[in-house]
Every structure is written in structure tokens, then in C-alpha cells.
Amino acid sequence: MIRPATALGVAATAAAVAGWAGPAVLRARVLRAAAWPGLAGVGRPDSLALTFDDGPDPEGTPAVLDALDGLGWTATFFMLGGQVTRYPDVAAAVVAAGHEVAVHGFNHRNHLVRGLADVDRDVAHAAAVVATATGVRPTWFRPPYGVLTMGSLIAARRAGLRPVLWTAWGRDWEALSPGRIAGTIGRQLRPGGTVLLHDSDCAARVAGSWRSTVAALPRLAVLADQLGCTVGPLRDHVVR
């Protein structure tokens, strides 16, 4: 027989876990677009926001910047503080090229397995590192793997950051062909959406995955034209 005090303790623990992990359900793309469009990155209906995670990368980021320059696009780069520490000049080059920088955390670790104090330090440290390297105070935050917890939301608020995820991704960390990356995006993309890609392979399953990402960008341009949308960073896309 379970004692009342024990039962209450179990119930309290379960409630605490549910409260901490609850926001993680918003990783479901369709659910968050319906429940919290701003978090999903739904913005102006005549535009698409283009975002990149996991950089800066000494090979991938310059290649992406060159491709974007050729297309006449600017984008938002969600940077890892650890990568910025290793490659501050690459981070600075992103801003110098006219792009927007944002925070992806310091370490690429799922927030579900981290405590509040750890997440808080991680996000604050990353925001400070990005600001120091680029000279720009970031506005946006996206957690690793797109998994939000209550700790993620608290940490972002304390750091003065606005959380945002995406409406379409290319699964480009799997080193798919450019055609498959574009096809995956195309099945999900609607006017006003936000696209997630990666300019680094530091957390990818396959080394050099960013090469397929770069090759997929002209195909994304075709998709944008078909939707009648311009492509740009979150700062020009999401109404604040």
C-alpha cells in the first residue's frame, strides 16, 4: 500500500517534471504553428525567414555567406557560443556581410537533461559571447534540437531574448542531396514561414553536410518565387 505522503510526493514530482518539460511539445511543427505562431516563426505573408543553426564554422559559414551573396539574400544565424569562441572572426564576418545573429546556446545539449541553473548560465554566456564577437546584441533564441523547456523560456527571458523555432526544415544535418533538402522544405513551406538550415556540421550526423545545404539554396529560391515571397532575416519577417 502506498502511503498518502508518498503518493503526494510522487504526484508533486510528476507535476514538476511535466511543468519543466511541457514546452517541449511545441517541437511538433504543426502544433506550435497553430498554438503559438510567433514561436513557430510565422511572420509577414509575403516573406520567408531564412535561418541557419550551429555556426559559425570556418568552412561552412563562408560557403553559405557566398551563396547568400549570390542570391542577394540576408538571413539569421543562430550561433553556438562554443563555436563563436573558437571562430570569432567568422562570427564577425556574418554581421559584416549584413546578416542577423542570434543565440543557439553555448553547448549543443538538449535542455531536457539540464537543470535551470545550467541552462540559465549557458544561454546568458552564449548571448554575451555572440555580442562581444559581433558587436551586436542578439534578439532571438533557439534551443538545441528545438526542444524548449520551462528553463529555456526563463533563461531566454532573463537574457532579453525572444524564443523562435521554425515552420519548415531541410533535415540537412543528415547530408541529404540538395534535391531532397529542397523537397523536404517544399512539402512544409507556406507563405510567411521560417526555414531552418545549418551552416555547420559540428552537430551533424555526417561531416561536410553543409555542402548539400549550400547547393540547395538556389532550389529554395525557386520555391520562394513560386510562393511569391521575398527571403530575409527574422528581423524583417516577424512583427514584434
Foldseek 3Di string as FASTA:
>chain_A
DDDPVRVVVVVVVVVVLCQFQVQQVCLPQVVCCVVPVVQAQQFDLQAEAEEAEEDDDPPLLVLLLVLCVVVVEAHEYAYALCRCVVPLVSLQVNVVSPHHYHHAWNDQDACSPDDLVVRLVGRLSSQVSSCVSHVDRHAAYAYRVNGGTPSNVVSCVVNNHHHHDWQFEQLLLALDALVSSLVRRLVRDHRRTYYYHHSANPPGPDHPSSVRVSVNVVVVVVSSVVRNHYYYYSVVTHDD
